[in-house]
Amino acid sequence: MIKDKMNEECGVFGVYARNKIDTFSLMQFGLIALQHRGQEACGISFLTNRKIYSFKKEGLVIEAFALVENPPLYQGNAAIGHTRYSTAGGQSKRNIQPLYTTNDIGEVFISLAHNGNLVNSKILREELESEGIGFVSNNSDSEVMLRIIQKYFKEGIETAVQKVFEQVRGAYSCVLLTQDNLIAFRDPNGIRPLSLGVMPDETYVVSSETCGLDAVGAKFIREIEPGEMIVIDSNGIHSFDIQKNKKKAICSFEYIYFSRPDSMLEGDSIYKFRELSGKKLWEQSKIVADVVIGVPDSGVPAAIGYSNASGIPFRPILLKNKYLGRSFISPSQEMRERTVMLKLNPIVSEIKGKRVIIMDDSIVRGTTSKRLVNIFKNAGAKEIHFVSASPPIIAPCFLGVDTPEKEHLIAAKYSQEEIKCYLGVDSLTFLSMDNLKDLLNEEGYCYGCFTEKYPVNRNEKLETNVNVNA
C-alpha cells in the first residue's frame, strides 16, 4: 500500500456575538458546510461566561454533535471549530483540534484551530521544549503556534500573534478563542482561504470558505488579508496589519478541487472558474465525441463548460453514492482504491457504444483514474477520452495540500503519452499552465504542485518585517 505524506487540508470556523447566542447550532451548521475539507475528526470550543469548554470527536460533524451529552452547556457568545484532515502529527486523537491550553487554576484561556501546514515546526518545537514549555499533541505543527501564543500572551494578544508571524514559516489560516475575544489571522502569503461575515444580529462569523457563511445566514464582508489579524470583541472588529512584507500566493488547487463550487474566493465564483476551465479545455483539444461526463462532484462544472463550448451533450450518467466520502482525502491509498467502485456507478445504457469524454478535476497517482476508465470500458464505451481540469501534478506540496511523495505522482514519472497508455484511453488532455494562469490572472497564486516553485522555501532563513497597527 502506498502511504501518503500527511499534510493538512482542513476547515476552520468561528462565531462571536456580544450576547449569548445558539453557538451549538451555528457551529454545527458551519462545520457541516466545511465537512468536505476534512472528514477524519472535528472539534469545537465554546465561550460562555468567560469560560471555554471543548469537545473533540473522530468522525463526521453530524456524528460528533449527536454524541454531545449536554448541548445547553455549549451555548455562549463565541465559539471556534475545526474539521480535520491529518497534518504532520498523524491521526492521534491528541491532534484533534481545536487545541487549547490552561492557566494556573486549570481554566482554558486559549483555544486554537488551524488550517495549513508549517515547515519549521520541528525546530520551533525543540526550542520551546528546551525552555520548559510542554506539548500535548503528537508532533502537531498547530500546537507550536498555540505554545508561542501562550508564551507571549501576557504581553497582549497582538504581540503574541506577532511572534507567530515572526517565527513560523508556512501556511496558516487560524481562528483563536480567548476568554475575552475571537481572533482570526492569515499567513503573509494567504495560502489558505479565510473569510469574514456578519449575521443580522451583529454576530460575526469567520470561515475557511464563504459556503460556511451561507450555511448560517451570514453576509460576506470581506476576506481576511494575508498578513492580517482581526480581533472581535464587545467593542466590534479591530484590524491589525501584522506583516507588511507579504506577497499573496493563494493555493490554485482551492479553485480546482478543494473549495466547494458554491464558495467565492477573491471575488470569483469557484463554480464559474471550473466551468470556464472546461471552455478552455475545449479550445485546447477539440475532441469529437457523443457525450461529456463529469466525475462528481468537482469535475461536473468543467464538463458543463466543455459541453457548452463544444455542443457535445453533457449527461449526468455517472452516479455518485452521496453517503461515501471523497476518495482523494480518504486516510489511506487502499481505502481510496476500494471506495471508487462503491462511490461511482455508470448508467450503462447511456454509455454503451458511445464516444465518451470523462472530465475529472485532476490526476494524482493515476490509480483512481485507471479504475474509473475501467468502469467505462466495462460499460461498453466505444471510445474513452480523459480530460483533466488541472495541469499535470509533478510535485508534492508541503504547505497544506494532500499530495503524496513525488515518486508516487504519475505525472512526475511519466510523459503524457505514457500516462495515456497506462490509463488505456483514446486520448488524454491536461489543462495547460498558460490557460490556468489566464483563468486566475496569473499573479497572486501558488502553482507549486505544477511547477515545483513555492512561495515559501523550507531552507530559507526567516526574514521579517512586522508592524502592529490598529
Protein backbone atom coordinates (compact mmCIF):
# COMPACT_ATOMS: atom_id res chain seq x y z
CA MET A 1 0.00 0.00 0.00
CA ILE A 2 1.33 3.45 -0.91
CA LYS A 3 1.35 5.73 2.11
CA ASP A 4 0.62 9.39 1.57
CA LYS A 5 2.64 12.20 3.02
CA MET A 6 0.21 13.63 5.52
CA ASN A 7 -0.30 17.33 5.02
CA GLU A 8 -3.15 19.30 6.48
CA GLU A 9 -6.15 20.32 4.43
CA CYS A 10 -8.80 21.29 6.97
CA GLY A 11 -11.57 23.76 7.67
CA VAL A 12 -11.90 26.39 10.42
CA PHE A 13 -14.99 28.25 11.61
CA GLY A 14 -15.73 30.78 14.33
CA VAL A 15 -18.59 32.96 15.64
CA TYR A 16 -18.71 35.89 18.05
CA ALA A 17 -21.63 37.89 19.45
CA ARG A 18 -21.89 40.44 22.26
CA ASN A 19 -24.71 38.45 23.86
CA LYS A 20 -25.48 34.78 24.28
CA ILE A 21 -26.48 33.03 21.04
CA ASP A 22 -27.15 29.47 19.85
CA THR A 23 -23.49 28.69 19.36
CA PHE A 24 -24.19 24.95 19.36
CA SER A 25 -26.38 25.10 16.24
CA LEU A 26 -24.29 27.74 14.48
CA MET A 27 -21.12 25.71 14.86
CA GLN A 28 -22.88 22.57 13.71
CA PHE A 29 -24.18 24.25 10.54
CA GLY A 30 -20.89 25.98 9.79
CA LEU A 31 -18.73 22.90 10.23
CA ILE A 32 -21.09 20.70 8.23
CA ALA A 33 -20.69 23.21 5.38
CA LEU A 34 -16.91 22.72 5.67
CA GLN A 35 -17.09 18.93 6.04
CA HIS A 36 -15.55 18.42 2.59
CA ARG A 37 -12.28 19.91 3.88
CA GLY A 38 -11.74 17.14 6.42
CA GLN A 39 -13.66 14.03 7.43
CA GLU A 40 -11.46 12.28 9.99
CA ALA A 41 -12.42 14.27 13.08
CA CYS A 42 -13.83 17.55 14.31
CA GLY A 43 -13.78 19.68 17.41
CA ILE A 44 -15.35 22.76 18.93
CA SER A 45 -14.52 25.23 21.73
CA PHE A 46 -17.24 27.46 23.22
CA LEU A 47 -17.00 30.61 25.29
CA THR A 48 -19.67 31.22 27.93
CA ASN A 49 -19.36 33.47 30.98
CA ARG A 50 -15.62 33.85 30.26
CA LYS A 51 -15.12 30.10 30.45
CA ILE A 52 -14.06 27.95 27.50
CA TYR A 53 -15.40 24.41 27.08
CA SER A 54 -14.33 21.98 24.35
CA PHE A 55 -15.23 18.65 22.87
CA LYS A 56 -13.48 16.73 20.10
CA LYS A 57 -14.52 13.57 18.32
CA GLU A 58 -13.39 11.35 15.48
CA GLY A 59 -15.74 11.07 12.52
CA LEU A 60 -18.15 13.43 10.78
CA VAL A 61 -19.53 16.62 12.30
CA ILE A 62 -23.10 15.41 12.47
CA GLU A 63 -21.98 12.25 14.27
CA ALA A 64 -19.91 14.21 16.77
CA PHE A 65 -22.72 16.60 17.65
CA ALA A 66 -25.10 13.70 18.13
CA LEU A 67 -22.79 12.36 20.86
CA VAL A 68 -22.82 15.57 22.91
CA GLU A 69 -24.44 14.70 26.22
CA ASN A 70 -25.32 18.20 27.38
CA PRO A 71 -25.88 20.60 24.44
CA PRO A 72 -27.02 23.52 26.67
CA LEU A 73 -23.51 23.62 28.12
CA TYR A 74 -22.24 24.70 24.70
CA GLN A 75 -24.33 27.82 24.40
CA GLY A 76 -22.44 31.06 24.78
CA ASN A 77 -21.41 34.18 22.93
CA ALA A 78 -18.44 32.82 20.95
CA ALA A 79 -17.04 29.57 19.57
CA ILE A 80 -14.45 28.15 17.17
CA GLY A 81 -14.39 24.82 15.37
CA HIS A 82 -12.33 22.62 13.08
CA THR A 83 -12.87 19.82 10.59
CA ARG A 84 -9.77 17.69 10.47
CA TYR A 85 -7.60 16.03 7.91
CA SER A 86 -4.31 14.76 9.35
CA THR A 87 -1.33 17.06 9.39
CA ALA A 88 2.28 16.24 10.16
CA GLY A 89 1.33 14.84 13.56
CA GLY A 90 -0.67 11.97 12.11
CA GLN A 91 -4.02 10.61 13.22
CA SER A 92 -3.58 10.64 17.00
CA LYS A 93 -6.63 11.74 18.97
CA ARG A 94 -4.37 14.21 20.74
CA ASN A 95 -4.01 16.11 17.47
CA ILE A 96 -7.74 16.73 17.01
CA GLN A 97 -8.42 20.46 17.05
CA PRO A 98 -9.13 22.97 18.48
CA LEU A 99 -6.04 22.67 20.65
CA TYR A 100 -6.11 24.55 23.93
CA THR A 101 -4.03 25.48 26.95
CA THR A 102 -4.91 26.12 30.60
CA ASN A 103 -3.81 28.63 33.21
CA ASP A 104 -2.53 28.06 36.74
CA ILE A 105 -6.01 27.27 38.08
CA GLY A 106 -6.84 24.81 35.31
CA GLU A 107 -9.07 27.07 33.21
CA VAL A 108 -8.77 27.04 29.42
CA PHE A 109 -7.72 30.52 28.34
CA ILE A 110 -6.61 29.97 24.72
CA SER A 111 -8.06 27.66 22.09
CA LEU A 112 -6.74 27.47 18.53
CA ALA A 113 -7.92 25.95 15.22
CA HIS A 114 -5.54 25.96 12.25
CA ASN A 115 -5.80 25.23 8.53
CA GLY A 116 -2.45 24.85 6.81
CA ASN A 117 0.98 23.35 7.34
CA LEU A 118 4.13 24.81 8.88
CA VAL A 119 7.57 23.98 7.51
CA ASN A 120 9.76 24.82 10.52
CA SER A 121 7.58 23.46 13.32
CA LYS A 122 10.07 20.78 14.38
CA ILE A 123 12.83 23.30 15.09
CA LEU A 124 10.46 25.66 16.89
CA ARG A 125 9.05 22.84 19.00
CA GLU A 126 12.53 21.78 20.09
CA GLU A 127 13.33 25.38 21.07
CA LEU A 128 10.11 25.75 23.07
CA GLU A 129 10.59 22.42 24.80
CA SER A 130 14.13 23.42 25.76
CA GLU A 131 12.57 26.43 27.51
CA GLY A 132 10.36 24.11 29.57
CA ILE A 133 7.16 24.57 27.57
CA GLY A 134 5.26 21.28 27.46
CA PHE A 135 3.39 19.80 24.50
CA VAL A 136 0.36 17.52 24.50
CA SER A 137 -0.10 16.56 20.84
CA ASN A 138 1.93 14.16 18.75
CA ASN A 139 4.16 16.49 16.71
CA SER A 140 1.29 18.80 15.73
CA ASP A 141 2.55 21.91 13.95
CA SER A 142 -0.62 23.69 15.08
CA GLU A 143 0.37 23.27 18.73
CA VAL A 144 3.63 25.06 18.02
CA MET A 145 1.64 28.20 17.22
CA LEU A 146 -0.51 27.69 20.30
CA ARG A 147 2.56 27.46 22.55
CA ILE A 148 4.13 30.58 21.01
CA ILE A 149 0.92 32.49 21.71
CA GLN A 150 0.78 31.04 25.21
CA LYS A 151 4.37 32.13 25.86
CA TYR A 152 3.74 35.77 24.94
CA PHE A 153 0.07 36.02 25.91
CA LYS A 154 0.68 38.23 28.96
CA GLU A 155 2.17 40.87 26.65
CA GLY A 156 -1.15 41.15 24.80
CA ILE A 157 -2.77 39.14 22.03
CA GLU A 158 -1.41 41.44 19.33
CA THR A 159 2.17 40.84 20.48
CA ALA A 160 1.56 37.10 20.88
CA VAL A 161 0.26 36.71 17.31
CA GLN A 162 3.02 38.97 16.03
CA LYS A 163 5.51 36.46 17.46
CA VAL A 164 3.82 33.73 15.40
CA PHE A 165 4.39 35.79 12.25
CA GLU A 166 8.00 36.42 13.23
CA GLN A 167 8.85 32.80 13.97
CA VAL A 168 6.80 30.38 11.85
CA ARG A 169 7.06 29.61 8.17
CA GLY A 170 4.36 28.06 6.07
CA ALA A 171 0.61 28.21 5.57
CA TYR A 172 -1.75 29.17 8.37
CA SER A 173 -5.31 30.45 8.45
CA CYS A 174 -6.34 30.39 12.09
CA VAL A 175 -9.17 31.16 14.48
CA LEU A 176 -8.30 31.72 18.12
CA LEU A 177 -10.62 31.92 21.12
CA THR A 178 -9.71 33.60 24.42
CA GLN A 179 -11.80 34.42 27.47
CA ASP A 180 -12.50 37.86 26.00
CA ASN A 181 -12.45 37.71 22.23
CA LEU A 182 -12.23 35.86 18.92
CA ILE A 183 -9.12 36.34 16.80
CA ALA A 184 -8.51 35.34 13.20
CA PHE A 185 -5.26 35.65 11.26
CA ARG A 186 -3.77 34.56 7.95
CA ASP A 187 -0.18 33.96 6.85
CA PRO A 188 1.63 36.62 4.79
CA ASN A 189 1.03 34.70 1.55
CA GLY A 190 -2.65 33.95 2.20
CA ILE A 191 -2.10 30.40 1.01
CA ARG A 192 -5.26 29.03 2.64
CA PRO A 193 -8.53 30.99 2.42
CA LEU A 194 -10.30 32.78 5.30
CA SER A 195 -13.43 34.92 5.08
CA LEU A 196 -15.33 37.28 7.40
CA GLY A 197 -19.10 37.72 7.53
CA VAL A 198 -21.84 39.12 9.74
CA MET A 199 -25.33 37.98 10.66
CA PRO A 200 -28.33 40.33 11.06
CA ASP A 201 -27.94 40.37 14.88
CA GLU A 202 -24.32 41.60 14.55
CA THR A 203 -22.92 38.15 15.17
CA TYR A 204 -19.60 37.98 13.35
CA VAL A 205 -18.54 34.82 11.55
CA VAL A 206 -15.15 33.64 10.30
CA SER A 207 -14.98 30.70 7.89
CA SER A 208 -12.44 28.94 5.68
CA GLU A 209 -14.93 29.29 2.83
CA THR A 210 -17.88 31.53 2.09
CA CYS A 211 -20.15 28.47 1.94
CA GLY A 212 -19.74 28.35 5.73
CA LEU A 213 -21.07 31.91 5.96
CA ASP A 214 -24.01 30.97 3.76
CA ALA A 215 -24.82 27.99 5.97
CA VAL A 216 -25.55 30.24 8.97
CA GLY A 217 -27.13 33.11 7.04
CA ALA A 218 -24.14 35.44 7.36
CA LYS A 219 -23.47 38.21 4.85
CA PHE A 220 -19.98 38.20 3.37
CA ILE A 221 -17.98 41.27 4.42
CA ARG A 222 -14.54 40.57 3.01
CA GLU A 223 -11.63 38.17 3.06
CA ILE A 224 -9.10 38.43 5.84
CA GLU A 225 -6.00 39.71 4.10
CA PRO A 226 -2.63 37.95 4.01
CA GLY A 227 -0.57 39.11 6.98
CA GLU A 228 -3.65 40.47 8.76
CA MET A 229 -5.09 39.72 12.19
CA ILE A 230 -8.59 40.71 13.24
CA VAL A 231 -9.79 40.83 16.84
CA ILE A 232 -13.53 40.65 17.51
CA ASP A 233 -14.75 41.63 20.96
CA SER A 234 -17.58 43.50 22.67
CA ASN A 235 -16.38 46.74 21.03
CA GLY A 236 -16.54 45.35 17.48
CA ILE A 237 -13.82 44.43 14.96
CA HIS A 238 -10.24 45.62 15.13
CA SER A 239 -7.82 45.02 12.27
CA PHE A 240 -4.04 44.72 12.63
CA ASP A 241 -1.66 44.64 9.68
CA ILE A 242 0.85 42.32 11.33
CA GLN A 243 3.27 41.77 8.46
CA LYS A 244 3.99 44.39 5.83
CA ASN A 245 6.44 42.30 3.79
CA LYS A 246 3.97 39.96 2.10
CA LYS A 247 3.18 38.55 -1.31
CA LYS A 248 -0.17 36.95 -1.96
CA ALA A 249 0.12 33.33 -3.14
CA ILE A 250 -3.27 31.65 -2.81
CA CYS A 251 -3.30 27.91 -3.47
CA SER A 252 -4.55 27.40 -7.03
CA PHE A 253 -5.83 23.95 -6.04
CA GLU A 254 -8.50 25.66 -3.95
CA TYR A 255 -10.10 26.67 -7.25
CA ILE A 256 -9.54 23.35 -8.97
CA TYR A 257 -10.68 20.96 -6.24
CA PHE A 258 -10.69 21.84 -2.55
CA SER A 259 -13.29 24.60 -2.28
CA ARG A 260 -16.97 23.88 -2.66
CA PRO A 261 -18.37 25.09 -6.00
CA ASP A 262 -20.81 27.42 -4.23
CA SER A 263 -17.96 29.27 -2.49
CA MET A 264 -16.40 32.55 -3.59
CA LEU A 265 -12.66 33.24 -3.47
CA GLU A 266 -11.03 36.58 -4.25
CA GLY A 267 -14.42 37.75 -5.51
CA ASP A 268 -14.63 34.92 -8.02
CA SER A 269 -17.13 32.08 -8.16
CA ILE A 270 -15.47 28.69 -7.77
CA TYR A 271 -18.21 27.20 -9.94
CA LYS A 272 -17.64 29.77 -12.69
CA PHE A 273 -13.90 29.18 -12.63
CA ARG A 274 -14.41 25.44 -13.11
CA GLU A 275 -16.94 25.99 -15.86
CA LEU A 276 -14.54 28.33 -17.68
CA SER A 277 -11.75 25.77 -17.33
CA GLY A 278 -13.95 23.39 -19.33
CA LYS A 279 -14.28 26.01 -22.04
CA LYS A 280 -10.50 26.45 -22.12
CA LEU A 281 -10.07 22.68 -22.43
CA TRP A 282 -12.35 22.62 -25.47
CA GLU A 283 -10.22 25.35 -27.05
CA GLN A 284 -7.13 23.25 -26.31
CA SER A 285 -8.39 19.93 -27.60
CA LYS A 286 -11.49 19.76 -29.76
CA ILE A 287 -12.41 16.14 -29.25
CA VAL A 288 -15.14 14.54 -31.39
CA ALA A 289 -17.43 12.62 -29.05
CA ASP A 290 -21.06 11.75 -28.29
CA VAL A 291 -21.26 12.70 -24.63
CA VAL A 292 -19.37 14.60 -21.91
CA ILE A 293 -19.42 13.15 -18.41
CA GLY A 294 -18.18 14.97 -15.32
CA VAL A 295 -16.77 12.95 -12.43
CA PRO A 296 -18.90 14.02 -9.44
CA ASP A 297 -18.65 16.49 -7.90
CA SER A 298 -15.69 18.69 -8.78
CA GLY A 299 -15.44 17.51 -12.41
CA VAL A 300 -19.04 18.40 -13.25
CA PRO A 301 -18.75 22.21 -13.73
CA ALA A 302 -15.79 21.77 -16.10
CA ALA A 303 -17.74 19.12 -18.03
CA ILE A 304 -20.67 21.54 -18.37
CA GLY A 305 -18.28 24.24 -19.59
CA TYR A 306 -16.79 21.84 -22.14
CA SER A 307 -20.27 20.85 -23.29
CA ASN A 308 -21.45 24.45 -23.66
CA ALA A 309 -18.37 25.37 -25.71
CA SER A 310 -18.38 22.26 -27.91
CA GLY A 311 -22.07 21.50 -28.30
CA ILE A 312 -21.42 17.91 -27.18
CA PRO A 313 -24.22 16.94 -24.78
CA PHE A 314 -23.43 16.79 -21.08
CA ARG A 315 -25.10 13.86 -19.34
CA PRO A 316 -25.06 13.13 -15.57
CA ILE A 317 -24.77 9.40 -16.18
CA LEU A 318 -22.05 8.68 -13.66
CA LEU A 319 -23.90 8.44 -10.37
CA LYS A 320 -22.31 9.17 -7.01
CA ASN A 321 -23.17 7.44 -3.76
CA LYS A 322 -23.62 10.54 -1.60
CA TYR A 323 -23.04 8.60 1.60
CA LEU A 324 -19.35 7.99 0.89
CA GLY A 325 -16.55 10.50 1.41
CA ARG A 326 -14.25 11.98 -1.23
CA SER A 327 -11.66 9.42 -2.32
CA PHE A 328 -8.87 11.99 -2.59
CA ILE A 329 -8.94 12.68 1.16
CA SER A 330 -9.61 9.18 2.44
CA PRO A 331 -6.96 8.30 5.04
CA SER A 332 -5.17 5.59 3.04
CA GLN A 333 -4.43 4.60 -0.53
CA GLU A 334 -6.07 1.23 -0.02
CA MET A 335 -9.30 2.90 1.11
CA ARG A 336 -9.19 5.32 -1.83
CA GLU A 337 -8.99 2.48 -4.32
CA ARG A 338 -11.72 0.40 -2.68
CA THR A 339 -14.18 3.26 -2.49
CA VAL A 340 -14.06 4.09 -6.21
CA MET A 341 -16.24 1.15 -7.19
CA LEU A 342 -18.71 1.83 -4.38
CA LYS A 343 -18.73 5.54 -4.93
CA LEU A 344 -19.36 5.85 -8.67
CA ASN A 345 -21.72 3.81 -10.80
CA PRO A 346 -22.45 4.38 -14.51
CA ILE A 347 -25.79 4.17 -16.32
CA VAL A 348 -24.68 1.50 -18.78
CA SER A 349 -27.49 2.03 -21.28
CA GLU A 350 -26.36 5.64 -21.80
CA ILE A 351 -22.69 4.71 -22.28
CA LYS A 352 -22.63 1.53 -24.34
CA GLY A 353 -21.38 2.19 -27.88
CA LYS A 354 -20.76 5.90 -27.20
CA ARG A 355 -17.64 8.04 -27.63
CA VAL A 356 -17.22 9.36 -24.12
CA ILE A 357 -15.29 12.30 -22.67
CA ILE A 358 -14.54 11.84 -18.96
CA MET A 359 -13.85 15.15 -17.23
CA ASP A 360 -12.11 14.96 -13.84
CA ASP A 361 -10.58 17.70 -11.71
CA SER A 362 -7.07 16.20 -11.72
CA ILE A 363 -4.92 13.09 -11.97
CA VAL A 364 -2.75 12.44 -8.92
CA ARG A 365 -1.43 8.88 -8.64
CA GLY A 366 -3.36 7.62 -11.65
CA THR A 367 -4.78 4.55 -9.88
CA THR A 368 -8.20 6.08 -9.29
CA SER A 369 -8.31 7.40 -12.86
CA LYS A 370 -7.46 3.96 -14.25
CA ARG A 371 -10.20 2.32 -12.20
CA LEU A 372 -12.62 4.96 -13.47
CA VAL A 373 -11.64 4.23 -17.07
CA ASN A 374 -12.23 0.52 -16.45
CA ILE A 375 -15.74 1.33 -15.23
CA PHE A 376 -16.50 2.89 -18.61
CA LYS A 377 -14.82 0.10 -20.54
CA ASN A 378 -16.94 -2.43 -18.70
CA ALA A 379 -20.00 -0.32 -19.52
CA GLY A 380 -19.21 -0.73 -23.23
CA ALA A 381 -17.94 2.73 -24.21
CA LYS A 382 -16.76 2.83 -27.83
CA GLU A 383 -14.07 5.44 -27.18
CA ILE A 384 -12.81 7.00 -23.95
CA HIS A 385 -11.18 10.42 -23.84
CA PHE A 386 -9.86 11.51 -20.44
CA VAL A 387 -9.65 15.23 -19.70
CA SER A 388 -8.06 16.72 -16.57
CA ALA A 389 -9.22 20.18 -15.45
CA SER A 390 -5.78 20.85 -13.98
CA PRO A 391 -2.22 20.73 -15.33
CA PRO A 392 -0.10 17.64 -14.56
CA ILE A 393 0.74 17.44 -10.84
CA ILE A 394 4.50 16.94 -10.72
CA ALA A 395 5.42 17.87 -7.15
CA PRO A 396 4.22 17.27 -3.59
CA CYS A 397 3.07 20.23 -1.55
CA PHE A 398 4.40 20.98 1.93
CA LEU A 399 2.04 23.91 2.52
CA GLY A 400 -1.21 22.11 3.20
CA VAL A 401 -2.30 20.07 0.18
CA ASP A 402 -2.71 16.30 0.46
CA THR A 403 -0.41 15.10 -2.31
CA PRO A 404 1.89 12.08 -1.97
CA GLU A 405 5.63 11.98 -2.39
CA LYS A 406 6.93 12.82 -5.85
CA GLU A 407 7.76 9.20 -6.63
CA HIS A 408 4.04 8.37 -6.39
CA LEU A 409 2.83 11.20 -8.65
CA ILE A 410 2.23 9.70 -12.06
CA ALA A 411 2.92 12.93 -13.99
CA ALA A 412 6.27 13.33 -12.21
CA LYS A 413 7.46 10.00 -13.62
CA TYR A 414 5.82 9.60 -17.00
CA SER A 415 5.10 11.61 -20.13
CA GLN A 416 1.57 12.45 -21.20
CA GLU A 417 1.71 9.72 -23.84
CA GLU A 418 2.87 7.17 -21.27
CA ILE A 419 0.06 8.16 -18.90
CA LYS A 420 -2.41 7.79 -21.76
CA CYS A 421 -1.18 4.26 -22.39
CA TYR A 422 -1.31 3.41 -18.68
CA LEU A 423 -4.91 4.60 -18.43
CA GLY A 424 -5.83 2.80 -21.64
CA VAL A 425 -7.69 5.74 -23.19
CA ASP A 426 -8.01 7.02 -26.73
CA SER A 427 -6.79 10.49 -25.78
CA LEU A 428 -5.58 12.39 -22.72
CA THR A 429 -5.73 16.16 -22.19
CA PHE A 430 -4.49 18.29 -19.28
CA LEU A 431 -5.39 21.94 -18.75
CA SER A 432 -2.32 23.89 -19.81
CA MET A 433 -0.41 26.08 -17.38
CA ASP A 434 -0.97 29.06 -19.67
CA ASN A 435 -4.72 28.55 -19.51
CA LEU A 436 -4.71 28.07 -15.73
CA LYS A 437 -2.77 31.30 -15.28
CA ASP A 438 -5.07 33.05 -17.71
CA LEU A 439 -8.11 31.92 -15.70
CA LEU A 440 -6.52 33.17 -12.46
CA ASN A 441 -4.88 36.26 -13.97
CA GLU A 442 -1.52 34.62 -13.10
CA GLU A 443 -0.38 36.91 -10.25
CA GLY A 444 -1.09 36.16 -6.61
CA TYR A 445 -1.37 32.37 -6.74
CA CYS A 446 0.74 29.36 -5.84
CA TYR A 447 1.33 26.85 -8.65
CA GLY A 448 3.81 24.70 -6.73
CA CYS A 449 2.05 21.39 -7.45
CA PHE A 450 2.55 22.02 -11.15
CA THR A 451 5.88 23.89 -11.24
CA GLU A 452 7.81 22.99 -8.05
CA LYS A 453 8.11 26.71 -7.30
CA TYR A 454 6.64 27.67 -3.93
CA PRO A 455 6.09 30.96 -2.08
CA VAL A 456 7.88 29.50 0.96
CA ASN A 457 11.28 27.85 0.86
CA ARG A 458 11.83 25.28 3.59
CA ASN A 459 15.55 26.03 3.66
CA GLU A 460 15.22 29.81 3.57
CA LYS A 461 16.16 31.80 6.66
CA LEU A 462 13.21 33.73 8.09
CA GLU A 463 13.23 37.43 7.39
CA THR A 464 10.52 39.50 8.98
CA ASN A 465 9.11 42.95 8.54
CA VAL A 466 6.40 43.18 11.12
CA ASN A 467 4.30 46.10 12.22
CA VAL A 468 1.33 46.15 14.56
CA ASN A 469 -1.14 48.95 13.92
CA ALA A 470 -4.76 49.06 14.99
